[in-house]
Each structure stands twice: as structure tokens, then as C-alpha cells.
């Protein structure tokens, strides 16, 4: 799964990396992205790529209330095509969610506390999560109609590197897969959906590295580059 991640790269840097149009709204660097936060996502837009800002936690277009999105931050690759919350999005609304890395917590024998880890690419390249997005219209807190654009991160089984701390991980897409994932027509028929499904596999074992970090990341209020510093005395994971 993916419940927290880091999004610190500036939008102009992301625009160059993805060869995409910059977002209309700039977000501050966020070293502890939590559900319902605004995040960057790359979408297809009339033959080119555009970076949008979406709320993390997908709200299906048919949902009666927006609050359901807080529970839909991840979408399991194994059930995307059949689960009502995601099957429209996987056919019509796919996106890329960039991240500097993400956090996961490992169980530790003999301890109630879990050891948090920061997972990243040692070559310094961004991680690119396979994402889904939806547009929702409905009543806002004041009763007036509002429109929300929200997203979820697709997850799959863990590779050997990740399995040391968790049995799930985000689907990471290589640059050679971006156009296919974003192609609006790729979900039009069963063959196209099968092709998309073949992208939803664990990343190569050598792509990621893990380092233990302090439990300061457990509190969403803590947000700064110091969260990425190694924990000098980590607990030993089970």
C-alpha cells in the first residue's frame, strides 16, 4: 500500500521531466503527504501532457458524499477492472503521480511501535506511481454544489526489496510506459484493458532502496526534509 509519500520537486522541474504543461496551481513542498492533501498528477490533455493538482483520495463520480475519498487512496491492481469505485477511472481517467519517495512501516517483534522506512530511488530519479482520477460534483460543506478532482494510487504485490517491510507496494511506471498508461483510448476494449493490466506489476528489485527514518513521520503535522534523515538507532524489523 501507500499511505504517505514525499512530493517536494518544484512544478517547473516536474514539467521538464515529464515534458508537460505546468499546473495552474503551485503546491508547497510536502515531505509528509497524507490522504486528502493536494498532489500533482500528470494527465493526457489533447495530445500532450499536463500537470494538474488533485486531491488524494478518489471520490467516484456516483458517490453521494465526498468524504468517501479518504478511504480510497489506493486501488488494488488485482481488482481495478471489477471494483465499482475504480472501474470507470481505469477505463477513462488514468494519470501519473510523481513522488520523491514514500513511507512504509515495518512490524517489529517484541514492540508495539513500528519502524518507519523511506523508500526511494538511489539514482535520484523521481518515482512515478500509476494513478487513477475522477471528477465529482455534489454538495459541499455549505450545501452549495462543488466540483472535486481526486486521485488514487494503484498498488500491487511487493517485490523482494519491499517485502522486507510490507506485502504491497505502489505500481511504478517506467518512462516507456507513460504514454500507454495515459492513452485515452487504451481502455476502450478488452484487449486494451489487458494491455494496461500488464503494466501493473512490481518494480524490479534493484530499482528501490530503503532506509529507516524516525517516528516523527508518524505525525502529519511534522513536515520537512529532516523526516528523510536516517534513524541512527532503528528497531530491527521482523
Protein backbone atom coordinates (compact mmCIF):
# COMPACT_ATOMS: atom_id res chain seq x y z
CA UNK A 1 0.00 0.00 0.00
CA UNK A 2 0.97 3.66 0.01
CA UNK A 3 -0.33 5.82 2.84
CA UNK A 4 2.25 8.63 2.95
CA UNK A 5 4.71 9.95 0.41
CA UNK A 6 7.00 12.85 -0.40
CA UNK A 7 6.27 15.43 -3.07
CA UNK A 8 8.97 18.09 -2.88
CA UNK A 9 10.04 18.66 -6.51
CA UNK A 10 9.04 22.11 -7.84
CA UNK A 11 6.48 22.20 -10.66
CA UNK A 12 8.85 23.59 -13.28
CA UNK A 13 11.22 20.69 -12.64
CA UNK A 14 8.36 18.20 -12.96
CA UNK A 15 7.18 19.87 -16.16
CA UNK A 16 10.63 19.39 -17.72
CA UNK A 17 10.88 15.81 -16.51
CA UNK A 18 7.50 14.80 -17.94
CA UNK A 19 7.63 17.19 -20.91
CA UNK A 20 4.31 18.50 -19.68
CA UNK A 21 2.47 21.78 -19.26
CA UNK A 22 2.89 23.27 -15.80
CA UNK A 23 -0.01 23.24 -13.31
CA UNK A 24 -2.25 26.23 -12.84
CA UNK A 25 -1.79 25.92 -9.06
CA UNK A 26 1.63 25.56 -7.41
CA UNK A 27 1.88 23.42 -4.29
CA UNK A 28 4.39 23.80 -1.49
CA UNK A 29 6.98 21.07 -1.00
CA UNK A 30 5.38 18.35 1.12
CA UNK A 31 7.56 15.82 2.93
CA UNK A 32 4.62 14.06 4.58
CA UNK A 33 1.79 13.85 2.07
CA UNK A 34 -1.29 12.35 3.76
CA UNK A 35 -4.74 11.39 2.43
CA UNK A 36 -6.92 14.33 1.29
CA UNK A 37 -3.85 16.50 0.57
CA UNK A 38 -3.50 18.19 -2.81
CA UNK A 39 -0.93 16.46 -5.03
CA UNK A 40 0.45 16.79 -8.54
CA UNK A 41 -0.71 14.37 -11.22
CA UNK A 42 0.16 14.16 -14.91
CA UNK A 43 -2.76 13.67 -17.30
CA UNK A 44 -3.24 13.49 -21.05
CA UNK A 45 -4.69 16.69 -22.48
CA UNK A 46 -5.47 16.96 -26.20
CA UNK A 47 -2.36 15.24 -27.43
CA UNK A 48 0.05 16.49 -24.78
CA UNK A 49 0.69 16.09 -21.07
CA UNK A 50 -0.48 18.50 -18.42
CA UNK A 51 0.24 18.59 -14.70
CA UNK A 52 -2.87 19.03 -12.59
CA UNK A 53 -3.44 19.35 -8.85
CA UNK A 54 -5.79 16.68 -7.49
CA UNK A 55 -6.96 15.74 -4.02
CA UNK A 56 -5.54 12.40 -2.88
CA UNK A 57 -8.41 10.02 -2.16
CA UNK A 58 -10.60 9.10 -5.11
CA UNK A 59 -14.28 10.07 -4.97
CA UNK A 60 -16.25 8.04 -7.57
CA UNK A 61 -18.47 10.17 -9.79
CA UNK A 62 -21.55 8.40 -8.40
CA UNK A 63 -20.67 8.90 -4.70
CA UNK A 64 -23.25 10.72 -2.59
CA UNK A 65 -20.62 12.34 -0.35
CA UNK A 66 -17.06 13.48 -0.93
CA UNK A 67 -15.85 12.07 2.40
CA UNK A 68 -15.69 8.54 0.95
CA UNK A 69 -12.48 9.59 -0.81
CA UNK A 70 -10.47 9.49 2.43
CA UNK A 71 -10.74 5.67 2.33
CA UNK A 72 -9.88 5.34 -1.36
CA UNK A 73 -6.27 6.47 -1.53
CA UNK A 74 -5.10 3.15 -3.00
CA UNK A 75 -6.58 0.93 -5.72
CA UNK A 76 -5.54 -2.72 -5.84
CA UNK A 77 -4.33 -3.72 -9.31
CA UNK A 78 -5.97 -7.13 -8.97
CA UNK A 79 -9.50 -5.69 -8.74
CA UNK A 80 -9.35 -2.46 -10.74
CA UNK A 81 -11.46 -3.75 -13.60
CA UNK A 82 -14.29 -5.01 -11.41
CA UNK A 83 -14.48 -2.81 -8.31
CA UNK A 84 -17.24 -0.20 -8.82
CA UNK A 85 -15.17 2.59 -7.26
CA UNK A 86 -12.38 2.26 -9.84
CA UNK A 87 -13.63 0.51 -12.98
CA UNK A 88 -14.75 3.73 -14.68
CA UNK A 89 -11.50 5.50 -13.84
CA UNK A 90 -9.27 2.70 -15.14
CA UNK A 91 -11.11 2.85 -18.45
CA UNK A 92 -11.24 6.62 -18.85
CA UNK A 93 -9.20 8.50 -16.27
CA UNK A 94 -5.62 7.36 -15.75
CA UNK A 95 -2.78 9.56 -14.55
CA UNK A 96 0.81 9.56 -13.28
CA UNK A 97 1.53 10.65 -9.71
CA UNK A 98 5.16 11.78 -9.19
CA UNK A 99 6.88 11.34 -5.85
CA UNK A 100 10.35 11.74 -4.38
CA UNK A 101 9.72 8.59 -2.35
CA UNK A 102 7.19 7.08 0.02
CA UNK A 103 6.99 5.75 3.57
CA UNK A 104 6.14 2.32 4.88
CA UNK A 105 6.04 0.93 8.41
CA UNK A 106 7.51 -2.46 9.36
CA UNK A 107 6.31 -4.57 12.27
CA UNK A 108 8.97 -5.23 14.89
CA UNK A 109 8.94 -8.34 17.04
CA UNK A 110 8.50 -7.52 20.73
CA UNK A 111 7.48 -3.91 20.07
CA UNK A 112 4.11 -2.23 19.69
CA UNK A 113 5.75 0.53 17.67
CA UNK A 114 6.54 0.03 14.01
CA UNK A 115 9.74 1.16 12.31
CA UNK A 116 9.08 3.69 9.52
CA UNK A 117 11.12 3.45 6.33
CA UNK A 118 11.64 5.90 3.49
CA UNK A 119 11.61 4.14 0.10
CA UNK A 120 13.27 5.91 -2.81
CA UNK A 121 15.32 5.52 -5.98
CA UNK A 122 19.04 5.60 -5.14
CA UNK A 123 19.78 7.14 -8.55
CA UNK A 124 17.82 10.25 -7.54
CA UNK A 125 15.15 9.88 -10.21
CA UNK A 126 11.51 10.50 -9.21
CA UNK A 127 9.14 7.65 -8.59
CA UNK A 128 6.15 7.63 -10.93
CA UNK A 129 3.06 5.95 -9.50
CA UNK A 130 0.30 4.60 -11.73
CA UNK A 131 -2.76 6.63 -10.76
CA UNK A 132 -6.48 6.97 -11.41
CA UNK A 133 -8.54 10.13 -11.19
CA UNK A 134 -12.20 11.14 -11.16
CA UNK A 135 -14.29 14.29 -11.31
CA UNK A 136 -17.09 14.53 -8.75
CA UNK A 137 -19.90 17.02 -8.35
CA UNK A 138 -22.03 17.20 -5.26
CA UNK A 139 -22.95 19.19 -2.17
CA UNK A 140 -20.16 20.96 -0.34
CA UNK A 141 -19.93 21.69 3.40
CA UNK A 142 -22.13 24.76 2.97
CA UNK A 143 -24.72 22.91 0.89
CA UNK A 144 -23.72 24.55 -2.37
CA UNK A 145 -22.62 22.31 -5.26
CA UNK A 146 -18.89 21.79 -5.57
CA UNK A 147 -16.63 20.04 -8.07
CA UNK A 148 -13.67 17.95 -6.96
CA UNK A 149 -10.96 16.22 -8.94
CA UNK A 150 -9.44 13.40 -6.92
CA UNK A 151 -7.00 10.54 -7.42
CA UNK A 152 -5.86 7.16 -6.13
CA UNK A 153 -2.54 5.30 -6.41
CA UNK A 154 -2.56 1.81 -7.90
CA UNK A 155 -0.85 -0.86 -5.79
CA UNK A 156 0.39 -4.40 -6.46
CA UNK A 157 2.22 -7.16 -4.62
CA UNK A 158 5.62 -6.26 -3.20
CA UNK A 159 8.91 -7.05 -4.91
CA UNK A 160 11.75 -8.67 -2.96
CA UNK A 161 13.08 -5.31 -1.75
CA UNK A 162 9.74 -4.11 -0.41
CA UNK A 163 8.68 -7.46 1.04
CA UNK A 164 11.11 -6.89 3.92
CA UNK A 165 8.70 -4.26 5.27
CA UNK A 166 5.31 -4.82 3.56
CA UNK A 167 3.49 -7.17 1.22
CA UNK A 168 2.19 -4.38 -1.07
CA UNK A 169 3.77 -1.51 -2.99
CA UNK A 170 2.73 1.22 -5.44
CA UNK A 171 2.85 0.35 -9.14
CA UNK A 172 5.84 2.25 -10.57
CA UNK A 173 5.75 3.07 -14.28
CA UNK A 174 8.87 3.43 -16.43
CA UNK A 175 9.06 6.32 -18.94
CA UNK A 176 8.48 3.83 -21.76
CA UNK A 177 5.06 3.03 -20.23
CA UNK A 178 3.78 6.56 -19.61
CA UNK A 179 2.17 7.16 -22.97
CA UNK A 180 0.44 3.79 -22.91
CA UNK A 181 -0.96 4.37 -19.42
CA UNK A 182 -2.15 7.88 -20.32
CA UNK A 183 -3.55 6.96 -23.75
CA UNK A 184 -7.30 7.83 -23.57
CA UNK A 185 -8.18 5.05 -25.99
CA UNK A 186 -6.30 2.28 -24.18
CA UNK A 187 -9.32 1.33 -22.07
CA UNK A 188 -11.84 1.18 -24.90
CA UNK A 189 -11.95 -2.61 -25.30
CA UNK A 190 -10.92 -5.83 -23.51
CA UNK A 191 -7.64 -6.07 -25.43
CA UNK A 192 -6.71 -2.56 -24.39
CA UNK A 193 -7.56 -3.24 -20.76
CA UNK A 194 -5.44 -6.39 -20.87
CA UNK A 195 -2.54 -4.29 -22.13
CA UNK A 196 -2.96 -1.85 -19.27
CA UNK A 197 -3.13 -4.72 -16.82
CA UNK A 198 0.26 -5.97 -17.97
CA UNK A 199 1.81 -2.73 -16.69
CA UNK A 200 0.55 -3.31 -13.16
CA UNK A 201 3.41 -5.41 -11.84
CA UNK A 202 6.04 -4.97 -9.11
CA UNK A 203 9.06 -2.82 -9.96
CA UNK A 204 12.45 -4.51 -10.46
CA UNK A 205 14.04 -5.44 -7.13
CA UNK A 206 17.06 -3.23 -7.80
CA UNK A 207 15.05 -0.05 -8.50
CA UNK A 208 14.37 0.90 -4.88
CA UNK A 209 16.31 1.41 -1.68
CA UNK A 210 15.01 1.62 1.89
CA UNK A 211 16.32 3.49 4.87
CA UNK A 212 14.89 3.65 8.39
CA UNK A 213 13.73 7.09 9.49
CA UNK A 214 12.48 8.47 12.80
CA UNK A 215 8.96 8.08 14.08
CA UNK A 216 8.50 11.83 13.63
CA UNK A 217 6.92 10.95 10.29
CA UNK A 218 4.05 9.31 12.17
CA UNK A 219 2.56 12.75 12.86
CA UNK A 220 1.19 14.52 9.78
CA UNK A 221 1.94 17.85 11.43
CA UNK A 222 5.66 17.09 11.08
CA UNK A 223 6.67 18.17 7.61
CA UNK A 224 10.19 18.97 6.48
CA UNK A 225 13.30 17.49 4.85
CA UNK A 226 14.53 16.32 8.26
CA UNK A 227 11.98 13.49 8.02
CA UNK A 228 14.20 11.87 5.39
CA UNK A 229 17.26 11.70 7.63
CA UNK A 230 18.34 8.16 8.64
CA UNK A 231 17.32 6.91 12.07
CA UNK A 232 20.65 6.25 13.87
CA UNK A 233 19.18 3.57 16.13
CA UNK A 234 16.42 1.80 14.17
CA UNK A 235 14.35 -1.03 15.55
CA UNK A 236 15.02 -4.38 13.87
CA UNK A 237 12.10 -5.41 11.60
CA UNK A 238 10.63 -8.86 11.94
